[in-house]
């Protein structure tokens, strides 16, 4: 009599997604001045650039949904460190870290954290998203 093997785990490649991080901080505008200038003087244009890069409707670029989609696509937590250094980098980050930590970082990796980032600092949030998209395009890791 032949033995029967029951497959309990499907064979194949199954790698868990690796955690990622933002490449610039939320308040790190000086790392790419052209993005910050575009965000300051033509916020809808920058939002449209972000939405187009992600194959979404143009008016959705600066939304909480767009930030959440991007963060979940690249497995980026709202804050990677205890103080949120990845999110609030740059020279002004230290002052803002305490305020944002209470609001957004207590909900690490959540839509609520994205909401606070977009509502408290919409231009900075959109600029951070655009800088990260540009960085991933340069590294050929944007999809």
Protein backbone atom coordinates (compact mmCIF):
# COMPACT_ATOMS: atom_id res chain seq x y z
CA UNK A 1 0.00 0.00 0.00
CA UNK A 2 1.35 3.41 -1.00
CA UNK A 3 1.70 6.09 1.66
CA UNK A 4 -0.19 9.34 1.19
CA UNK A 5 1.54 12.63 1.91
CA UNK A 6 -0.58 15.54 2.95
CA UNK A 7 0.79 18.95 1.99
CA UNK A 8 0.30 21.32 4.93
CA UNK A 9 2.60 24.08 3.72
CA UNK A 10 2.52 25.10 0.11
CA UNK A 11 6.01 24.93 -1.42
CA UNK A 12 7.44 28.09 -2.90
CA UNK A 13 9.10 31.32 -1.99
CA UNK A 14 7.43 33.15 0.86
CA UNK A 15 9.48 35.98 2.29
CA UNK A 16 7.95 38.22 4.88
CA UNK A 17 8.09 41.93 4.04
CA UNK A 18 11.13 43.64 5.46
CA UNK A 19 10.51 46.75 7.56
CA UNK A 20 11.54 49.97 5.90
CA UNK A 21 11.78 53.57 7.03
CA UNK A 22 11.33 57.08 5.75
CA UNK A 23 14.54 58.30 4.16
CA UNK A 24 14.07 61.84 5.41
CA UNK A 25 12.30 63.29 8.40
CA UNK A 26 8.94 65.03 8.34
CA UNK A 27 10.56 68.43 8.98
CA UNK A 28 13.68 67.80 6.90
CA UNK A 29 12.84 70.24 4.11
CA UNK A 30 16.41 71.30 3.43
CA UNK A 31 17.33 67.86 2.08
CA UNK A 32 15.52 68.74 -1.19
CA UNK A 33 14.71 72.43 -1.46
CA UNK A 34 13.00 72.10 -4.87
CA UNK A 35 10.36 69.79 -3.39
CA UNK A 36 9.78 72.15 -0.46
CA UNK A 37 9.48 75.18 -2.75
CA UNK A 38 6.98 73.31 -4.92
CA UNK A 39 5.03 72.29 -1.81
CA UNK A 40 5.05 75.82 -0.42
CA UNK A 41 4.02 77.65 -3.59
CA UNK A 42 2.01 75.02 -5.45
CA UNK A 43 0.76 72.43 -2.96
CA UNK A 44 -1.87 71.00 -5.38
CA UNK A 45 0.83 70.51 -8.06
CA UNK A 46 3.01 68.55 -5.65
CA UNK A 47 0.02 66.49 -4.54
CA UNK A 48 -0.74 65.68 -8.16
CA UNK A 49 2.89 64.61 -8.77
CA UNK A 50 2.72 62.24 -5.80
CA UNK A 51 -0.63 60.81 -6.87
CA UNK A 52 0.54 60.32 -10.45
CA UNK A 53 3.69 58.53 -9.26
CA UNK A 54 1.47 56.11 -7.35
CA UNK A 55 -1.07 55.71 -10.20
CA UNK A 56 -3.84 57.36 -8.21
CA UNK A 57 -6.29 60.19 -8.89
CA UNK A 58 -4.57 63.57 -9.00
CA UNK A 59 -6.52 65.23 -6.17
CA UNK A 60 -5.66 62.46 -3.68
CA UNK A 61 -1.94 63.26 -3.42
CA UNK A 62 -1.98 65.09 -0.11
CA UNK A 63 -4.52 62.85 1.61
CA UNK A 64 -4.21 60.60 4.63
CA UNK A 65 -5.19 57.70 2.38
CA UNK A 66 -2.22 58.34 0.05
CA UNK A 67 0.24 58.50 2.94
CA UNK A 68 -1.21 55.32 4.46
CA UNK A 69 -1.12 53.53 1.10
CA UNK A 70 2.52 54.45 0.59
CA UNK A 71 3.52 53.57 4.17
CA UNK A 72 1.83 50.18 4.04
CA UNK A 73 3.15 49.41 0.54
CA UNK A 74 6.73 49.90 1.73
CA UNK A 75 6.15 48.58 5.27
CA UNK A 76 7.12 51.87 6.94
CA UNK A 77 6.01 52.31 10.54
CA UNK A 78 4.92 55.80 11.59
CA UNK A 79 7.98 55.90 13.83
CA UNK A 80 10.78 53.40 13.79
CA UNK A 81 12.51 54.55 16.94
CA UNK A 82 11.33 55.32 20.42
CA UNK A 83 11.41 59.06 19.77
CA UNK A 84 10.35 59.04 16.14
CA UNK A 85 13.72 60.09 14.77
CA UNK A 86 12.89 58.80 11.28
CA UNK A 87 9.73 60.87 11.06
CA UNK A 88 10.91 64.02 12.79
CA UNK A 89 14.48 64.39 11.65
CA UNK A 90 16.21 67.61 10.80
CA UNK A 91 17.05 70.64 12.91
CA UNK A 92 13.49 71.31 14.08
CA UNK A 93 12.75 67.68 14.86
CA UNK A 94 13.88 67.74 18.47
CA UNK A 95 11.38 70.44 19.45
CA UNK A 96 8.47 68.85 17.63
CA UNK A 97 9.24 65.29 18.71
CA UNK A 98 7.61 65.63 22.12
CA UNK A 99 4.36 67.04 20.73
CA UNK A 100 4.04 64.52 17.89
CA UNK A 101 5.09 61.61 20.09
CA UNK A 102 2.03 62.00 22.29
CA UNK A 103 -0.33 62.39 19.32
CA UNK A 104 0.95 60.12 16.57
CA UNK A 105 3.59 57.80 17.91
CA UNK A 106 1.41 56.23 20.54
CA UNK A 107 -0.39 54.70 17.54
CA UNK A 108 2.70 53.42 15.77
CA UNK A 109 2.06 52.33 12.22
CA UNK A 110 -1.57 53.38 12.31
CA UNK A 111 -3.86 55.42 10.12
CA UNK A 112 -4.30 57.74 13.11
CA UNK A 113 -0.57 58.48 13.03
CA UNK A 114 -0.85 59.28 9.32
CA UNK A 115 -3.85 61.48 10.06
CA UNK A 116 -1.90 63.51 12.64
CA UNK A 117 1.04 63.89 10.27
CA UNK A 118 -1.18 65.16 7.45
CA UNK A 119 -3.45 67.34 9.60
CA UNK A 120 -0.75 68.94 11.75
CA UNK A 121 1.75 69.54 8.98
CA UNK A 122 0.21 68.85 5.55
CA UNK A 123 2.94 70.51 3.49
CA UNK A 124 5.72 68.77 5.39
CA UNK A 125 3.92 65.44 5.14
CA UNK A 126 3.48 65.73 1.37
CA UNK A 127 7.07 66.90 0.88
CA UNK A 128 8.35 63.94 2.90
CA UNK A 129 6.29 61.59 0.75
CA UNK A 130 7.62 63.15 -2.48
CA UNK A 131 11.24 63.04 -1.26
CA UNK A 132 10.83 59.37 -0.37
CA UNK A 133 9.30 58.54 -3.76
CA UNK A 134 12.19 60.34 -5.50
CA UNK A 135 14.73 58.46 -3.38
CA UNK A 136 13.14 55.08 -4.13
CA UNK A 137 13.06 55.91 -7.84
CA UNK A 138 16.79 56.70 -7.75
CA UNK A 139 17.43 53.39 -5.96
CA UNK A 140 15.13 51.56 -8.42
CA UNK A 141 13.01 50.26 -5.58
CA UNK A 142 9.84 52.23 -6.35
CA UNK A 143 6.98 50.12 -7.70
